[in-house]
Structure formats: C-alpha cells, structure tokens
PDB file of N, CA and C in Angstrom:
ATOM      1  N   MET A   1      13.173   5.753   7.276  1.00  0.00           N
ATOM      2  CA  MET A   1      14.013   4.933   8.115  1.00  0.00           C
ATOM      3  C   MET A   1      15.412   5.506   8.103  1.00  0.00           C
ATOM      4  N   GLU A   2      15.855   5.936   9.244  1.00  0.00           N
ATOM      5  CA  GLU A   2      17.180   6.539   9.327  1.00  0.00           C
ATOM      6  C   GLU A   2      18.304   5.516   9.237  1.00  0.00           C
ATOM      7  N   ASN A   3      18.085   4.322   9.772  1.00  0.00           N
ATOM      8  CA  ASN A   3      19.140   3.314   9.759  1.00  0.00           C
ATOM      9  C   ASN A   3      18.538   1.960   9.409  1.00  0.00           C
ATOM     10  N   LYS A   4      18.660   1.594   8.147  1.00  0.00           N
ATOM     11  CA  LYS A   4      18.084   0.323   7.705  1.00  0.00           C
ATOM     12  C   LYS A   4      18.795  -0.881   8.335  1.00  0.00           C
ATOM     13  N   ASN A   5      20.008  -0.671   8.836  1.00  0.00           N
ATOM     14  CA  ASN A   5      20.753  -1.773   9.452  1.00  0.00           C
ATOM     15  C   ASN A   5      20.123  -2.243  10.759  1.00  0.00           C
ATOM     16  N   THR A   6      19.370  -1.365  11.419  1.00  0.00           N
ATOM     17  CA  THR A   6      18.752  -1.742  12.691  1.00  0.00           C
ATOM     18  C   THR A   6      17.231  -1.875  12.591  1.00  0.00           C
ATOM     19  N   LEU A   7      16.707  -1.836  11.380  1.00  0.00           N
ATOM     20  CA  LEU A   7      15.262  -1.871  11.182  1.00  0.00           C
ATOM     21  C   LEU A   7      14.619  -3.091  11.837  1.00  0.00           C
ATOM     22  N   ASN A   8      15.133  -4.270  11.556  1.00  0.00           N
ATOM     23  CA  ASN A   8      14.517  -5.470  12.119  1.00  0.00           C
ATOM     24  C   ASN A   8      14.658  -5.545  13.629  1.00  0.00           C
ATOM     25  N   GLU A   9      15.746  -5.058  14.171  1.00  0.00           N
ATOM     26  CA  GLU A   9      15.897  -5.023  15.631  1.00  0.00           C
ATOM     27  C   GLU A   9      14.804  -4.154  16.250  1.00  0.00           C
ATOM     28  N   GLU A  10      14.565  -2.999  15.651  1.00  0.00           N
ATOM     29  CA  GLU A  10      13.535  -2.090  16.159  1.00  0.00           C
ATOM     30  C   GLU A  10      12.140  -2.683  15.981  1.00  0.00           C
ATOM     31  N   ARG A  11      11.892  -3.353  14.881  1.00  0.00           N
ATOM     32  CA  ARG A  11      10.591  -3.987  14.651  1.00  0.00           C
ATOM     33  C   ARG A  11      10.337  -5.079  15.688  1.00  0.00           C
ATOM     34  N   LEU A  12      11.347  -5.856  15.996  1.00  0.00           N
ATOM     35  CA  LEU A  12      11.177  -6.932  16.974  1.00  0.00           C
ATOM     36  C   LEU A  12      10.874  -6.384  18.376  1.00  0.00           C
ATOM     37  N   LYS A  13      11.411  -5.212  18.697  1.00  0.00           N
ATOM     38  CA  LYS A  13      11.161  -4.597  20.007  1.00  0.00           C
ATOM     39  C   LYS A  13       9.681  -4.298  20.221  1.00  0.00           C
ATOM     40  N   VAL A  14       8.947  -4.071  19.124  1.00  0.00           N
ATOM     41  CA  VAL A  14       7.519  -3.751  19.234  1.00  0.00           C
ATOM     42  C   VAL A  14       6.660  -4.883  18.662  1.00  0.00           C
ATOM     43  N   ASN A  15       7.225  -6.079  18.679  1.00  0.00           N
ATOM     44  CA  ASN A  15       6.525  -7.299  18.269  1.00  0.00           C
ATOM     45  C   ASN A  15       6.019  -7.274  16.837  1.00  0.00           C
ATOM     46  N   LEU A  16       6.776  -6.652  15.941  1.00  0.00           N
ATOM     47  CA  LEU A  16       6.462  -6.697  14.518  1.00  0.00           C
ATOM     48  C   LEU A  16       7.386  -7.706  13.855  1.00  0.00           C
ATOM     49  N   PRO A  17       6.900  -8.401  12.846  1.00  0.00           N
ATOM     50  CA  PRO A  17       7.765  -9.380  12.175  1.00  0.00           C
ATOM     51  C   PRO A  17       8.873  -8.682  11.394  1.00  0.00           C
ATOM     52  N   PRO A  18      10.006  -9.339  11.250  1.00  0.00           N
ATOM     53  CA  PRO A  18      11.112  -8.731  10.508  1.00  0.00           C
ATOM     54  C   PRO A  18      10.811  -8.675   9.010  1.00  0.00           C
ATOM     55  N   PHE A  19      11.441  -7.727   8.341  1.00  0.00           N
ATOM     56  CA  PHE A  19      11.376  -7.631   6.884  1.00  0.00           C
ATOM     57  C   PHE A  19      12.487  -8.480   6.292  1.00  0.00           C
ATOM     58  N   SER A  20      12.255  -8.964   5.080  1.00  0.00           N
ATOM     59  CA  SER A  20      13.326  -9.643   4.361  1.00  0.00           C
ATOM     60  C   SER A  20      14.325  -8.590   3.894  1.00  0.00           C
ATOM     61  N   GLN A  21      15.513  -9.026   3.543  1.00  0.00           N
ATOM     62  CA  GLN A  21      16.516  -8.077   3.043  1.00  0.00           C
ATOM     63  C   GLN A  21      16.021  -7.412   1.770  1.00  0.00           C
ATOM     64  N   GLU A  22      15.284  -8.138   0.948  1.00  0.00           N
ATOM     65  CA  GLU A  22      14.726  -7.569  -0.280  1.00  0.00           C
ATOM     66  C   GLU A  22      13.766  -6.411   0.040  1.00  0.00           C
ATOM     67  N   GLU A  23      12.923  -6.596   1.061  1.00  0.00           N
ATOM     68  CA  GLU A  23      11.999  -5.528   1.456  1.00  0.00           C
ATOM     69  C   GLU A  23      12.760  -4.314   1.986  1.00  0.00           C
ATOM     70  N   ILE A  24      13.782  -4.572   2.769  1.00  0.00           N
ATOM     71  CA  ILE A  24      14.585  -3.481   3.319  1.00  0.00           C
ATOM     72  C   ILE A  24      15.279  -2.718   2.199  1.00  0.00           C
ATOM     73  N   ASP A  25      15.784  -3.443   1.211  1.00  0.00           N
ATOM     74  CA  ASP A  25      16.484  -2.798   0.096  1.00  0.00           C
ATOM     75  C   ASP A  25      15.563  -1.899  -0.722  1.00  0.00           C
ATOM     76  N   ARG A  26      14.267  -2.163  -0.704  1.00  0.00           N
ATOM     77  CA  ARG A  26      13.313  -1.332  -1.460  1.00  0.00           C
ATOM     78  C   ARG A  26      12.962  -0.031  -0.748  1.00  0.00           C
ATOM     79  N   ILE A  27      13.299   0.099   0.521  1.00  0.00           N
ATOM     80  CA  ILE A  27      13.014   1.325   1.267  1.00  0.00           C
ATOM     81  C   ILE A  27      13.990   2.398   0.793  1.00  0.00           C
ATOM     82  N   PRO A  28      13.466   3.562   0.368  1.00  0.00           N
ATOM     83  CA  PRO A  28      14.387   4.607  -0.108  1.00  0.00           C
ATOM     84  C   PRO A  28      15.249   5.153   1.022  1.00  0.00           C
ATOM     85  N   ASP A  29      16.440   5.565   0.664  1.00  0.00           N
ATOM     86  CA  ASP A  29      17.311   6.218   1.635  1.00  0.00           C
ATOM     87  C   ASP A  29      16.694   7.549   2.025  1.00  0.00           C
ATOM     88  N   VAL A  30      17.011   8.010   3.230  1.00  0.00           N
ATOM     89  CA  VAL A  30      16.416   9.224   3.776  1.00  0.00           C
ATOM     90  C   VAL A  30      16.550  10.414   2.816  1.00  0.00           C
ATOM     91  N   GLU A  31      17.680  10.536   2.162  1.00  0.00           N
ATOM     92  CA  GLU A  31      17.889  11.682   1.270  1.00  0.00           C
ATOM     93  C   GLU A  31      17.047  11.593  -0.001  1.00  0.00           C
ATOM     94  N   ASN A  32      16.438  10.421  -0.260  1.00  0.00           N
ATOM     95  CA  ASN A  32      15.608  10.243  -1.446  1.00  0.00           C
ATOM     96  C   ASN A  32      14.116  10.284  -1.149  1.00  0.00           C
ATOM     97  N   ILE A  33      13.755  10.688   0.062  1.00  0.00           N
ATOM     98  CA  ILE A  33      12.351  10.806   0.430  1.00  0.00           C
ATOM     99  C   ILE A  33      11.972  12.277   0.322  1.00  0.00           C
ATOM    100  N   PRO A  34      10.929  12.581  -0.461  1.00  0.00           N
ATOM    101  CA  PRO A  34      10.564  13.993  -0.626  1.00  0.00           C
ATOM    102  C   PRO A  34      10.173  14.653   0.695  1.00  0.00           C
ATOM    103  N   GLU A  35      10.540  15.886   0.839  1.00  0.00           N
ATOM    104  CA  GLU A  35      10.202  16.670   2.023  1.00  0.00           C
ATOM    105  C   GLU A  35       8.702  16.959   2.019  1.00  0.00           C
ATOM    106  N   ILE A  36       8.026  16.741   3.165  1.00  0.00           N
ATOM    107  CA  ILE A  36       6.586  16.997   3.218  1.00  0.00           C
ATOM    108  C   ILE A  36       6.240  18.187   4.102  1.00  0.00           C
ATOM    109  N   ASP A  37       7.154  18.615   4.958  1.00  0.00           N
ATOM    110  CA  ASP A  37       6.846  19.743   5.838  1.00  0.00           C
ATOM    111  C   ASP A  37       6.518  20.982   5.014  1.00  0.00           C
ATOM    112  N   GLY A  38       5.403  21.601   5.338  1.00  0.00           N
ATOM    113  CA  GLY A  38       5.011  22.828   4.678  1.00  0.00           C
ATOM    114  C   GLY A  38       4.335  22.653   3.338  1.00  0.00           C
ATOM    115  N   LYS A  39       4.202  21.434   2.856  1.00  0.00           N
ATOM    116  CA  LYS A  39       3.616  21.200   1.532  1.00  0.00           C
ATOM    117  C   LYS A  39       2.100  21.049   1.579  1.00  0.00           C
ATOM    118  N   ASP A  40       1.564  20.527   2.653  1.00  0.00           N
ATOM    119  CA  ASP A  40       0.127  20.269   2.754  1.00  0.00           C
ATOM    120  C   ASP A  40      -0.345  20.738   4.127  1.00  0.00           C
ATOM    121  N   ALA A  41      -1.011  21.885   4.145  1.00  0.00           N
ATOM    122  CA  ALA A  41      -1.405  22.507   5.414  1.00  0.00           C
ATOM    123  C   ALA A  41      -2.321  21.602   6.236  1.00  0.00           C
ATOM    124  N   ASP A  42      -3.300  20.947   5.606  1.00  0.00           N
ATOM    125  CA  ASP A  42      -4.222  20.077   6.345  1.00  0.00           C
ATOM    126  C   ASP A  42      -3.491  18.880   6.948  1.00  0.00           C
ATOM    127  N   TYR A  43      -2.593  18.301   6.183  1.00  0.00           N
ATOM    128  CA  TYR A  43      -1.838  17.150   6.678  1.00  0.00           C
ATOM    129  C   TYR A  43      -0.947  17.572   7.843  1.00  0.00           C
ATOM    130  N   ASN A  44      -0.298  18.719   7.711  1.00  0.00           N
ATOM    131  CA  ASN A  44       0.562  19.184   8.804  1.00  0.00           C
ATOM    132  C   ASN A  44      -0.251  19.519  10.044  1.00  0.00           C
ATOM    133  N   ALA A  45      -1.459  20.068   9.863  1.00  0.00           N
ATOM    134  CA  ALA A  45      -2.324  20.353  11.018  1.00  0.00           C
ATOM    135  C   ALA A  45      -2.672  19.054  11.732  1.00  0.00           C
ATOM    136  N   TRP A  46      -2.958  18.019  10.974  1.00  0.00           N
ATOM    137  CA  TRP A  46      -3.255  16.707  11.565  1.00  0.00           C
ATOM    138  C   TRP A  46      -2.028  16.151  12.287  1.00  0.00           C
ATOM    139  N   ARG A  47      -0.854  16.297  11.690  1.00  0.00           N
ATOM    140  CA  ARG A  47       0.373  15.810  12.318  1.00  0.00           C
ATOM    141  C   ARG A  47       0.618  16.515  13.642  1.00  0.00           C
ATOM    142  N   ILE A  48       0.357  17.822  13.708  1.00  0.00           N
ATOM    143  CA  ILE A  48       0.523  18.568  14.951  1.00  0.00           C
ATOM    144  C   ILE A  48      -0.505  18.091  15.985  1.00  0.00           C
ATOM    145  N   LYS A  49      -1.764  17.940  15.546  1.00  0.00           N
ATOM    146  CA  LYS A  49      -2.841  17.514  16.459  1.00  0.00           C
ATOM    147  C   LYS A  49      -2.541  16.156  17.081  1.00  0.00           C
ATOM    148  N   THR A  50      -1.990  15.233  16.301  1.00  0.00           N
ATOM    149  CA  THR A  50      -1.716  13.887  16.803  1.00  0.00           C
ATOM    150  C   THR A  50      -0.395  13.791  17.548  1.00  0.00           C
ATOM    151  N   GLY A  51       0.409  14.861  17.516  1.00  0.00           N
ATOM    152  CA  GLY A  51       1.678  14.848  18.236  1.00  0.00           C
ATOM    153  C   GLY A  51       2.840  14.321  17.434  1.00  0.00           C
ATOM    154  N   TRP A  52       2.651  14.090  16.159  1.00  0.00           N
ATOM    155  CA  TRP A  52       3.764  13.606  15.321  1.00  0.00           C
ATOM    156  C   TRP A  52       4.842  14.658  15.162  1.00  0.00           C
ATOM    157  N   ILE A  53       4.388  15.904  15.064  1.00  0.00           N
ATOM    158  CA  ILE A  53       5.333  17.022  14.996  1.00  0.00           C
ATOM    159  C   ILE A  53       4.822  18.102  15.935  1.00  0.00           C
ATOM    160  N   SER A  54       5.675  19.051  16.273  1.00  0.00           N
ATOM    161  CA  SER A  54       5.232  20.160  17.104  1.00  0.00           C
ATOM    162  C   SER A  54       5.025  21.378  16.217  1.00  0.00           C
ATOM    163  N   ALA A  55       4.190  22.287  16.679  1.00  0.00           N
ATOM    164  CA  ALA A  55       3.951  23.520  15.933  1.00  0.00           C
ATOM    165  C   ALA A  55       5.252  24.325  15.899  1.00  0.00           C
ATOM    166  N   PHE A  56       5.569  24.898  14.792  1.00  0.00           N
ATOM    167  CA  PHE A  56       6.830  25.637  14.671  1.00  0.00           C
ATOM    168  C   PHE A  56       6.646  27.043  15.114  1.00  0.00           C
TER     169      PHE A  56
END
C-alpha cells in the first residue's frame, strides 16, 4: 500500500468494507516490504502471464 491515508477511500470505490485504524497500522510501510522481483522465477512468470507485471 503506497498511501495508507487513502486506503479506505480506495476500498470503498470497489465496494470493499473499510479497515479499522488498527488493521491499517499493521500494514508494513512500503520500504519494509521485501522485494520479490527476480526472486522466484515461477511466481514472476505467473505475474507476467496474468498481467500484474510486464516482461522486462
């Protein structure tokens, strides 16, 4: 989540229920999420196939 301040606004746009502030506070900041690109070839192949990422 790039901006936890707008998380509930974005969730409501797609008809998802809002998170409590406690739940939001448990989400790690972007800089604390381990990098996954290039770590698991099968997972990255699946991500490319589904359109989550593009082939580099």
